[in-house]
Amino acid sequence: GNKVEDFGVGFYTKYGDGGVDLSPIADLLKTEVFSLASHLGVVDSILDAKPT
């Protein structure tokens, strides 16, 4: 999907991705996350990395 749907659906690995008290980017679209990362100066090698 285009959003981080795990936060809305509730499928987590115990103490994994869902083990947070606050997730300020959970409701952002992926394009918004990349725009924010670029604005914050995240290096291109990270922005261009293939997902694993």
N, C-alpha and C. Protein backbone atom coordinates (compact mmCIF):
# COMPACT_ATOMS: atom_id res chain seq x y z
N GLY A 1 0.82 -1.18 0.00
CA GLY A 1 0.00 0.00 0.00
C GLY A 1 0.86 1.25 0.00
N ASN A 2 0.21 2.37 0.01
CA ASN A 2 0.91 3.64 -0.04
C ASN A 2 1.13 4.23 1.34
N LYS A 3 0.49 3.67 2.34
CA LYS A 3 0.72 4.12 3.71
C LYS A 3 1.33 2.98 4.50
N VAL A 4 1.76 3.27 5.68
CA VAL A 4 2.30 2.23 6.55
C VAL A 4 1.09 1.59 7.24
N GLU A 5 0.46 0.65 6.53
CA GLU A 5 -0.81 0.11 6.99
C GLU A 5 -0.72 -0.72 8.26
N ASP A 6 0.46 -1.23 8.59
CA ASP A 6 0.58 -2.04 9.79
C ASP A 6 0.08 -1.30 11.03
N PHE A 7 0.26 0.01 11.05
CA PHE A 7 -0.15 0.77 12.23
C PHE A 7 -1.66 0.83 12.36
N GLY A 8 -2.38 0.81 11.25
CA GLY A 8 -3.83 0.84 11.30
C GLY A 8 -4.44 -0.53 11.47
N VAL A 9 -3.80 -1.56 10.93
CA VAL A 9 -4.34 -2.91 10.96
C VAL A 9 -3.98 -3.62 12.25
N GLY A 10 -2.79 -3.41 12.73
CA GLY A 10 -2.38 -3.98 14.00
C GLY A 10 -1.60 -5.28 13.91
N PHE A 11 -1.00 -5.60 12.77
CA PHE A 11 -0.18 -6.80 12.66
C PHE A 11 1.26 -6.43 12.98
N TYR A 12 1.76 -6.95 14.09
CA TYR A 12 3.11 -6.60 14.53
C TYR A 12 3.86 -7.84 14.97
N THR A 13 5.17 -7.76 14.89
CA THR A 13 6.02 -8.72 15.57
C THR A 13 6.22 -8.19 16.98
N LYS A 14 6.05 -9.04 17.97
CA LYS A 14 6.18 -8.59 19.35
C LYS A 14 7.54 -7.93 19.56
N TYR A 15 7.54 -6.74 20.09
CA TYR A 15 8.73 -5.92 20.31
C TYR A 15 9.43 -5.55 19.00
N GLY A 16 8.72 -5.64 17.89
CA GLY A 16 9.27 -5.29 16.58
C GLY A 16 8.81 -3.90 16.17
N ASP A 17 8.32 -3.79 14.93
CA ASP A 17 7.91 -2.50 14.38
C ASP A 17 6.83 -1.81 15.20
N GLY A 18 5.96 -2.58 15.84
CA GLY A 18 4.87 -1.99 16.60
C GLY A 18 5.22 -1.65 18.03
N GLY A 19 6.45 -1.88 18.44
CA GLY A 19 6.86 -1.63 19.81
C GLY A 19 7.25 -0.18 20.05
N VAL A 20 6.32 0.72 19.78
CA VAL A 20 6.59 2.15 19.95
C VAL A 20 5.45 2.81 20.72
N ASP A 21 5.75 3.89 21.38
CA ASP A 21 4.72 4.67 22.06
C ASP A 21 4.18 5.78 21.17
N LEU A 22 4.98 6.20 20.21
CA LEU A 22 4.62 7.32 19.34
C LEU A 22 5.18 7.05 17.95
N SER A 23 4.35 7.27 16.93
CA SER A 23 4.81 7.07 15.56
C SER A 23 4.37 8.26 14.72
N PRO A 24 5.17 9.32 14.72
CA PRO A 24 4.75 10.57 14.08
C PRO A 24 4.59 10.50 12.56
N ILE A 25 5.15 9.48 11.91
CA ILE A 25 5.01 9.42 10.45
C ILE A 25 4.06 8.31 10.00
N ALA A 26 3.39 7.64 10.92
CA ALA A 26 2.55 6.49 10.57
C ALA A 26 1.41 6.86 9.63
N ASP A 27 0.91 8.07 9.68
CA ASP A 27 -0.23 8.45 8.85
C ASP A 27 0.19 9.15 7.55
N LEU A 28 1.49 9.23 7.29
CA LEU A 28 1.96 9.88 6.07
C LEU A 28 1.98 8.90 4.90
N LEU A 29 1.78 9.43 3.70
CA LEU A 29 1.98 8.65 2.49
C LEU A 29 3.48 8.47 2.28
N LYS A 30 3.84 7.42 1.54
CA LYS A 30 5.27 7.18 1.28
C LYS A 30 5.91 8.38 0.59
N THR A 31 5.19 9.01 -0.32
CA THR A 31 5.74 10.19 -1.00
C THR A 31 6.02 11.31 -0.02
N GLU A 32 5.17 11.44 1.00
CA GLU A 32 5.37 12.47 2.02
C GLU A 32 6.58 12.15 2.89
N VAL A 33 6.78 10.86 3.18
CA VAL A 33 7.94 10.45 3.98
C VAL A 33 9.23 10.75 3.21
N PHE A 34 9.24 10.44 1.90
CA PHE A 34 10.43 10.72 1.10
C PHE A 34 10.67 12.23 0.98
N SER A 35 9.61 13.01 0.85
CA SER A 35 9.76 14.48 0.80
C SER A 35 10.34 15.00 2.11
N LEU A 36 9.84 14.50 3.22
CA LEU A 36 10.33 14.92 4.53
C LEU A 36 11.80 14.53 4.69
N ALA A 37 12.13 13.30 4.31
CA ALA A 37 13.52 12.84 4.41
C ALA A 37 14.45 13.71 3.58
N SER A 38 14.02 14.04 2.38
CA SER A 38 14.83 14.89 1.50
C SER A 38 15.02 16.27 2.13
N HIS A 39 13.94 16.82 2.68
CA HIS A 39 13.99 18.13 3.33
C HIS A 39 14.95 18.12 4.53
N LEU A 40 14.99 16.99 5.23
CA LEU A 40 15.85 16.87 6.41
C LEU A 40 17.30 16.55 6.05
N GLY A 41 17.57 16.34 4.76
CA GLY A 41 18.94 16.11 4.33
C GLY A 41 19.40 14.67 4.37
N VAL A 42 18.46 13.73 4.36
CA VAL A 42 18.84 12.32 4.31
C VAL A 42 19.58 12.07 2.99
N VAL A 43 20.69 11.38 3.05
CA VAL A 43 21.54 11.19 1.87
C VAL A 43 20.84 10.33 0.82
N ASP A 44 21.18 10.59 -0.45
CA ASP A 44 20.54 9.90 -1.57
C ASP A 44 20.71 8.39 -1.52
N SER A 45 21.84 7.91 -1.01
CA SER A 45 22.05 6.46 -0.95
C SER A 45 21.01 5.77 -0.07
N ILE A 46 20.49 6.47 0.92
CA ILE A 46 19.42 5.92 1.75
C ILE A 46 18.08 6.08 1.05
N LEU A 47 17.84 7.25 0.49
CA LEU A 47 16.57 7.49 -0.20
C LEU A 47 16.39 6.55 -1.39
N ASP A 48 17.49 6.20 -2.06
CA ASP A 48 17.42 5.36 -3.26
C ASP A 48 17.58 3.87 -2.98
N ALA A 49 17.79 3.50 -1.72
CA ALA A 49 18.01 2.09 -1.38
C ALA A 49 16.76 1.27 -1.68
N LYS A 50 16.97 0.07 -2.21
CA LYS A 50 15.85 -0.83 -2.49
C LYS A 50 15.32 -1.38 -1.17
N PRO A 51 13.99 -1.51 -1.05
CA PRO A 51 13.42 -2.08 0.18
C PRO A 51 13.85 -3.53 0.37
N THR A 52 13.94 -3.95 1.61
CA THR A 52 14.31 -5.34 1.90
C THR A 52 13.20 -6.05 2.62
